[in-house]
Amino acid sequence: MDRPARLSLKICDPRGRLVRTLAVERVVEDGAVRWDGTYGCGRQVAPGVHFYEVSLNGQVRVGKLTLVQ
């Protein structure tokens, strides 16, 4: 990225239910965002396949991730 940007990351369970939304006000060069594997309330999410949606500067990408504990 040539300039800092705002990023939104949504994590959903295998049924498509929203688990957690992470918003980062300023993302710099590497764009790394860490999710600790918990719901917003702090409870641990079950291991397995989950889905993510990343929104950055109006562009949206969706994919799968595997949570291993």
C-alpha atoms as a PDB file:
ATOM      1  CA  MET A   1       0.000   0.000   0.000  1.00  0.00           C
ATOM      2  CA  ASP A   2       1.253   3.439  -0.797  1.00  0.00           C
ATOM      3  CA  ARG A   3      -0.520   5.093   2.171  1.00  0.00           C
ATOM      4  CA  PRO A   4      -2.165   4.103   5.482  1.00  0.00           C
ATOM      5  CA  ALA A   5      -5.733   2.847   5.150  1.00  0.00           C
ATOM      6  CA  ARG A   6      -8.701   1.622   7.213  1.00  0.00           C
ATOM      7  CA  LEU A   7      -9.305  -2.122   7.259  1.00  0.00           C
ATOM      8  CA  SER A   8     -12.271  -4.192   8.466  1.00  0.00           C
ATOM      9  CA  LEU A   9     -12.035  -7.940   9.098  1.00  0.00           C
ATOM     10  CA  LYS A  10     -15.122 -10.072   9.762  1.00  0.00           C
ATOM     11  CA  ILE A  11     -14.809 -13.687  10.941  1.00  0.00           C
ATOM     12  CA  CYS A  12     -17.771 -16.056  10.431  1.00  0.00           C
ATOM     13  CA  ASP A  13     -18.363 -19.618  11.609  1.00  0.00           C
ATOM     14  CA  PRO A  14     -19.005 -22.525   9.173  1.00  0.00           C
ATOM     15  CA  ARG A  15     -22.741 -21.682   9.153  1.00  0.00           C
ATOM     16  CA  GLY A  16     -22.045 -18.086   8.140  1.00  0.00           C
ATOM     17  CA  ARG A  17     -22.840 -16.533  11.530  1.00  0.00           C
ATOM     18  CA  LEU A  18     -20.705 -13.549  12.492  1.00  0.00           C
ATOM     19  CA  VAL A  19     -18.153 -14.471  15.153  1.00  0.00           C
ATOM     20  CA  ARG A  20     -16.166 -11.255  15.422  1.00  0.00           C
ATOM     21  CA  THR A  21     -15.469  -7.991  13.625  1.00  0.00           C
ATOM     22  CA  LEU A  22     -12.054  -6.396  13.874  1.00  0.00           C
ATOM     23  CA  ALA A  23     -11.539  -2.851  12.630  1.00  0.00           C
ATOM     24  CA  VAL A  24      -8.136  -1.290  12.289  1.00  0.00           C
ATOM     25  CA  GLU A  25      -8.043   2.474  11.916  1.00  0.00           C
ATOM     26  CA  ARG A  26      -4.643   2.679  10.265  1.00  0.00           C
ATOM     27  CA  VAL A  27      -3.044  -0.197   8.407  1.00  0.00           C
ATOM     28  CA  VAL A  28       0.497   0.330   7.252  1.00  0.00           C
ATOM     29  CA  GLU A  29       2.693  -1.525   4.786  1.00  0.00           C
ATOM     30  CA  ASP A  30       2.356  -5.203   5.758  1.00  0.00           C
ATOM     31  CA  GLY A  31      -1.395  -5.015   6.496  1.00  0.00           C
ATOM     32  CA  ALA A  32      -1.149  -7.719   9.186  1.00  0.00           C
ATOM     33  CA  VAL A  33      -4.141  -8.163  11.491  1.00  0.00           C
ATOM     34  CA  ARG A  34      -4.191 -10.695  14.315  1.00  0.00           C
ATOM     35  CA  TRP A  35      -7.273 -12.477  15.593  1.00  0.00           C
ATOM     36  CA  ASP A  36      -6.871 -14.304  18.896  1.00  0.00           C
ATOM     37  CA  GLY A  37      -9.494 -16.965  18.091  1.00  0.00           C
ATOM     38  CA  THR A  38     -12.146 -15.569  20.408  1.00  0.00           C
ATOM     39  CA  TYR A  39     -15.657 -14.178  20.150  1.00  0.00           C
ATOM     40  CA  GLY A  40     -16.145 -10.503  21.003  1.00  0.00           C
ATOM     41  CA  CYS A  41     -17.040 -11.545  24.569  1.00  0.00           C
ATOM     42  CA  GLY A  42     -13.662 -13.277  24.985  1.00  0.00           C
ATOM     43  CA  ARG A  43     -14.896 -16.888  24.816  1.00  0.00           C
ATOM     44  CA  GLN A  44     -12.754 -19.231  22.714  1.00  0.00           C
ATOM     45  CA  VAL A  45     -14.082 -20.158  19.235  1.00  0.00           C
ATOM     46  CA  ALA A  46     -14.168 -23.874  18.332  1.00  0.00           C
ATOM     47  CA  PRO A  47     -11.320 -25.051  16.104  1.00  0.00           C
ATOM     48  CA  GLY A  48     -12.061 -25.768  12.448  1.00  0.00           C
ATOM     49  CA  VAL A  49     -12.791 -23.972   9.193  1.00  0.00           C
ATOM     50  CA  HIS A  50     -14.073 -20.413   9.395  1.00  0.00           C
ATOM     51  CA  PHE A  51     -14.616 -17.715   6.801  1.00  0.00           C
ATOM     52  CA  TYR A  52     -13.291 -14.176   6.648  1.00  0.00           C
ATOM     53  CA  GLU A  53     -14.216 -10.995   4.823  1.00  0.00           C
ATOM     54  CA  VAL A  54     -11.613  -8.274   4.519  1.00  0.00           C
ATOM     55  CA  SER A  55     -12.590  -4.793   3.399  1.00  0.00           C
ATOM     56  CA  LEU A  56      -9.846  -2.321   2.514  1.00  0.00           C
ATOM     57  CA  ASN A  57     -10.311   0.939   0.651  1.00  0.00           C
ATOM     58  CA  GLY A  58     -13.624  -0.225  -0.825  1.00  0.00           C
ATOM     59  CA  GLN A  59     -12.295  -3.590  -1.999  1.00  0.00           C
ATOM     60  CA  VAL A  60     -13.675  -6.760  -0.397  1.00  0.00           C
ATOM     61  CA  ARG A  61     -12.086 -10.214  -0.325  1.00  0.00           C
ATOM     62  CA  VAL A  62     -13.623 -13.376   1.113  1.00  0.00           C
ATOM     63  CA  GLY A  63     -11.843 -16.604   1.969  1.00  0.00           C
ATOM     64  CA  LYS A  64     -11.454 -19.546   4.326  1.00  0.00           C
ATOM     65  CA  LEU A  65      -9.164 -19.978   7.277  1.00  0.00           C
ATOM     66  CA  THR A  66      -8.513 -22.896   9.603  1.00  0.00           C
ATOM     67  CA  LEU A  67      -8.351 -22.269  13.327  1.00  0.00           C
ATOM     68  CA  VAL A  68      -6.056 -24.797  15.006  1.00  0.00           C
ATOM     69  CA  GLN A  69      -5.712 -24.968  18.773  1.00  0.00           C
END
